[in-house]
Every structure is written in structure tokens, then in C-alpha cells.
Amino acid sequence: MHDENGIRLSILEQCRILKLSRATYYECCRFEAERQKKKSEENKIRLKRAKTVINERSTHSTYGYKKMSKHLKRLGYDWAGEKLIHNLYKELGIKGQKPVFKTTRSGKAPYGKFPCLLRNKFIAFQNQVMATDITYIKTSWGMMYFTAVIDLYSRKILSCSCIKFVIFQTKCLDKGLCLK
């Protein structure tokens, strides 16, 4: 603290102005020094843990914070909780890679992939070729099954139904084939 002339005040004068005892002042200074020391030790530990996470991340780059936490615990790091790893990931700007959704896959069935029966076939008139599809609709009371029979030449819907049980979808197919 300085007075109006810019001269530094002694600790005794500062304590008198603030109405504190010198013992309180020195105790606060001691606690502040201990707090700074403790904080620097915590930062060293945090830095060491961050280095561990970065090293493991170099070999397991796809791991998110949950998987990395389990992996580090398997390696014997008891401190590696999900919350701590999540906070380290945020501080370091690390994000786990999301899996890529693959829509097209080769058939896994023992009989292999069925050939396309319509390839090199010319559709010349109505009701020559029909297609059907079942769509699953999730509702609050369970699954619903929507089935439609479509004429591929005119692209008209020949029949459709929305029923709770898949077994009854054959009625929709029968109805679509009867219109033929």
C-alpha cells in the first residue's frame, strides 16, 4: 500500500489503517503461501496426468473419455475417473471419434447376396412388376408395421396397411395381388 505521495507504507501502518492486528496479517500471508504451494503441486499432478492421457491417446486415438477412463483403470491408474478424463479432454481440446455409419454392407448370410431379378428387364405395362416394403414405426404403445405394395411401372400404391402385428401384413400383400 502507498500513501498519497507514493511512499510505501510499513506493514504496521497498513494494519493500523485496516484495523487488523499484525498477527492476522502474517497469518494470512502464511496461508496464501501455503495455498500457492498446494496449487502448484496440484498443477504438477494435473500436468502429469494430462501427459499420461496424451501418451495413451497416441495409441488409442478413437477412445472417448469413457473408454479412455476404463482403459487407464485397466492399466492401474486409479485416479482415472470419467469426470477427470472428461475435464482433461475439454481442457486439451480432445474429442473422441464418432463411428461412421455404413449403410451398404455385403451380405453375411450363408447363401450370399441375391441377384437383382429386374436387371436388363424392360417394364412395358402396368402390373407387370410390383414391389413391397415393410417400415417399422415406433409409437408410444409399441411398434407399428406399415406395408405398401407398389406398381413399378405407374408408381401407384396398389394397397397399404398399418397394423400392430407383422403376421397380418399378408392381407396387404393378398389385396395388392388381387388387384392384378
Protein backbone atom coordinates (compact mmCIF):
# COMPACT_ATOMS: atom_id res chain seq x y z
CA MET A 1 0.00 0.00 0.00
CA HIS A 2 1.19 3.54 -0.78
CA ASP A 3 0.20 6.92 0.67
CA GLU A 4 -0.87 9.96 -1.41
CA ASN A 5 2.80 10.93 -2.01
CA GLY A 6 3.62 7.46 -3.47
CA ILE A 7 5.68 6.39 -0.46
CA ARG A 8 5.23 2.78 0.58
CA LEU A 9 3.55 2.36 3.97
CA SER A 10 5.01 0.00 6.52
CA ILE A 11 3.14 -3.14 7.50
CA LEU A 12 2.43 -1.63 10.93
CA GLU A 13 0.79 1.44 9.34
CA GLN A 14 -1.16 -0.67 6.84
CA CYS A 15 -2.53 -2.85 9.66
CA ARG A 16 -3.47 0.25 11.69
CA ILE A 17 -5.42 1.71 8.70
CA LEU A 18 -7.22 -1.60 8.04
CA LYS A 19 -7.79 -2.14 11.79
CA LEU A 20 -6.09 -5.54 11.75
CA SER A 21 -3.56 -6.99 14.07
CA ARG A 22 -0.14 -7.77 12.61
CA ALA A 23 -0.60 -11.42 13.66
CA THR A 24 -3.69 -11.64 11.42
CA TYR A 25 -1.73 -10.09 8.53
CA TYR A 26 1.17 -12.54 8.86
CA GLU A 27 -1.23 -15.48 9.26
CA CYS A 28 -2.98 -14.51 6.01
CA CYS A 29 0.40 -14.25 4.27
CA ARG A 30 1.37 -17.70 5.54
CA PHE A 31 -1.94 -19.23 4.39
CA GLU A 32 -1.59 -17.58 0.99
CA ALA A 33 1.92 -19.01 0.58
CA GLU A 34 0.68 -22.48 1.59
CA ARG A 35 -2.26 -22.18 -0.81
CA GLN A 36 0.05 -21.20 -3.68
CA LYS A 37 2.36 -24.12 -2.87
CA LYS A 38 -0.55 -26.56 -2.74
CA LYS A 39 -1.94 -25.19 -6.01
CA SER A 40 1.43 -25.58 -7.76
CA GLU A 41 1.64 -29.20 -6.53
CA GLU A 42 -1.89 -29.88 -7.83
CA ASN A 43 -0.94 -28.34 -11.18
CA LYS A 44 2.13 -30.61 -11.39
CA ILE A 45 -0.04 -33.67 -10.70
CA ARG A 46 -2.63 -32.49 -13.25
CA LEU A 47 0.11 -31.94 -15.85
CA LYS A 48 1.50 -35.43 -15.20
CA ARG A 49 -1.99 -36.93 -15.65
CA ALA A 50 -2.55 -34.92 -18.83
CA LYS A 51 0.73 -36.26 -20.24
CA THR A 52 -0.40 -39.80 -19.40
CA VAL A 53 -3.71 -39.24 -21.22
CA ILE A 54 -1.93 -37.74 -24.24
CA ASN A 55 0.52 -40.67 -24.40
CA GLU A 56 -2.30 -43.23 -24.24
CA ARG A 57 -4.29 -41.20 -26.76
CA SER A 58 -1.45 -41.56 -29.27
CA THR A 59 -2.01 -45.33 -29.35
CA HIS A 60 -5.80 -45.27 -28.86
CA SER A 61 -6.93 -42.23 -30.86
CA THR A 62 -10.55 -43.36 -31.21
CA TYR A 63 -11.22 -43.57 -27.47
CA GLY A 64 -13.64 -41.10 -25.95
CA TYR A 65 -13.43 -40.09 -22.29
CA LYS A 66 -15.45 -43.08 -21.02
CA LYS A 67 -13.43 -45.69 -22.87
CA MET A 68 -10.14 -43.93 -22.04
CA SER A 69 -11.10 -43.92 -18.35
CA LYS A 70 -11.75 -47.68 -18.41
CA HIS A 71 -8.52 -48.26 -20.34
CA LEU A 72 -6.39 -46.25 -17.87
CA LYS A 73 -8.00 -48.01 -14.90
CA ARG A 74 -7.13 -51.35 -16.51
CA LEU A 75 -3.53 -50.15 -16.74
CA GLY A 76 -3.53 -49.38 -13.00
CA TYR A 77 -4.23 -45.64 -12.88
CA ASP A 78 -6.75 -45.40 -10.04
CA TRP A 79 -7.17 -41.65 -10.45
CA ALA A 80 -8.64 -42.02 -13.97
CA GLY A 81 -12.32 -41.40 -13.32
CA GLU A 82 -14.70 -40.48 -16.15
CA LYS A 83 -15.23 -36.95 -14.83
CA LEU A 84 -11.50 -36.21 -14.58
CA ILE A 85 -10.76 -37.61 -18.05
CA HIS A 86 -13.73 -35.66 -19.46
CA ASN A 87 -12.39 -32.42 -17.95
CA LEU A 88 -8.88 -33.15 -19.27
CA TYR A 89 -10.31 -33.84 -22.73
CA LYS A 90 -12.14 -30.48 -22.61
CA GLU A 91 -9.03 -28.59 -21.45
CA LEU A 92 -6.84 -30.24 -24.09
CA GLY A 93 -9.45 -29.84 -26.84
CA ILE A 94 -9.66 -33.58 -27.47
CA LYS A 95 -12.79 -35.25 -28.82
CA GLY A 96 -13.40 -38.93 -29.41
CA GLN A 97 -14.07 -40.00 -32.97
CA LYS A 98 -17.63 -40.92 -33.80
CA PRO A 99 -18.17 -44.21 -35.61
CA VAL A 100 -19.03 -43.83 -39.28
CA PHE A 101 -22.44 -45.28 -40.12
CA LYS A 102 -22.17 -47.68 -43.05
CA THR A 103 -25.42 -48.07 -44.98
CA THR A 104 -24.18 -50.56 -47.58
CA ARG A 105 -22.66 -53.84 -46.46
CA SER A 106 -22.07 -57.17 -48.08
CA GLY A 107 -24.45 -59.95 -47.13
CA LYS A 108 -23.47 -62.01 -44.10
CA ALA A 109 -25.91 -64.84 -44.76
CA PRO A 110 -24.51 -68.24 -45.79
CA TYR A 111 -26.38 -68.10 -49.12
CA GLY A 112 -24.75 -64.77 -50.07
CA LYS A 113 -26.33 -61.86 -51.87
CA PHE A 114 -29.40 -62.37 -54.05
CA PRO A 115 -29.09 -61.20 -57.67
CA CYS A 116 -31.24 -58.36 -59.00
CA LEU A 117 -34.07 -60.03 -60.93
CA LEU A 118 -35.05 -56.83 -62.74
CA ARG A 119 -31.65 -56.07 -64.26
CA ASN A 120 -31.82 -55.81 -68.09
CA LYS A 121 -35.58 -56.30 -67.95
CA PHE A 122 -37.86 -53.79 -69.67
CA ILE A 123 -41.06 -52.92 -67.79
CA ALA A 124 -43.63 -52.13 -70.51
CA PHE A 125 -47.08 -52.17 -68.85
CA GLN A 126 -48.93 -51.90 -65.56
CA ASN A 127 -48.99 -54.76 -63.06
CA GLN A 128 -46.03 -56.42 -64.77
CA VAL A 129 -43.73 -55.85 -61.76
CA MET A 130 -44.74 -54.99 -58.22
CA ALA A 131 -42.64 -54.23 -55.15
CA THR A 132 -43.39 -54.25 -51.45
CA ASP A 133 -41.78 -52.78 -48.37
CA ILE A 134 -42.31 -53.01 -44.63
CA THR A 135 -41.49 -49.98 -42.48
CA TYR A 136 -41.29 -50.17 -38.70
CA ILE A 137 -42.82 -47.21 -36.89
CA LYS A 138 -42.09 -46.78 -33.18
CA THR A 139 -45.05 -45.43 -31.21
CA SER A 140 -45.70 -44.85 -27.53
CA TRP A 141 -47.73 -48.07 -27.28
CA GLY A 142 -45.32 -50.27 -29.26
CA MET A 143 -44.19 -50.96 -32.81
CA MET A 144 -46.46 -50.49 -35.82
CA TYR A 145 -45.74 -52.04 -39.20
CA PHE A 146 -46.58 -50.14 -42.38
CA THR A 147 -46.68 -52.19 -45.56
CA ALA A 148 -47.24 -50.97 -49.11
CA VAL A 149 -47.48 -52.74 -52.48
CA ILE A 150 -46.36 -50.53 -55.37
CA ASP A 151 -46.66 -50.98 -59.14
CA LEU A 152 -43.21 -50.18 -60.54
CA TYR A 153 -44.48 -49.08 -63.97
CA SER A 154 -47.06 -46.49 -62.87
CA ARG A 155 -45.56 -45.99 -59.39
CA LYS A 156 -49.04 -46.17 -57.87
CA ILE A 157 -49.68 -47.65 -54.45
CA LEU A 158 -51.87 -50.70 -55.04
CA SER A 159 -52.51 -51.39 -51.34
CA CYS A 160 -51.19 -50.38 -47.95
CA SER A 161 -51.85 -51.17 -44.32
CA CYS A 162 -50.61 -50.16 -40.91
CA ILE A 163 -51.03 -52.91 -38.31
CA LYS A 164 -49.52 -53.73 -34.95
CA PHE A 165 -48.56 -57.32 -35.84
CA VAL A 166 -46.37 -58.41 -38.77
CA ILE A 167 -48.39 -61.61 -39.28
CA PHE A 168 -51.39 -59.67 -40.58
CA GLN A 169 -49.30 -57.86 -43.23
CA THR A 170 -50.03 -60.75 -45.61
CA LYS A 171 -53.55 -59.30 -46.00
CA CYS A 172 -52.00 -56.24 -47.61
CA LEU A 173 -50.00 -58.41 -50.00
CA ASP A 174 -53.05 -60.51 -50.89
CA LYS A 175 -55.07 -57.36 -51.53
CA GLY A 176 -52.32 -55.92 -53.76
CA LEU A 177 -52.04 -59.14 -55.76
CA CYS A 178 -55.84 -59.44 -56.18
CA LEU A 179 -55.88 -56.07 -57.94
CA LYS A 180 -53.57 -57.58 -60.54
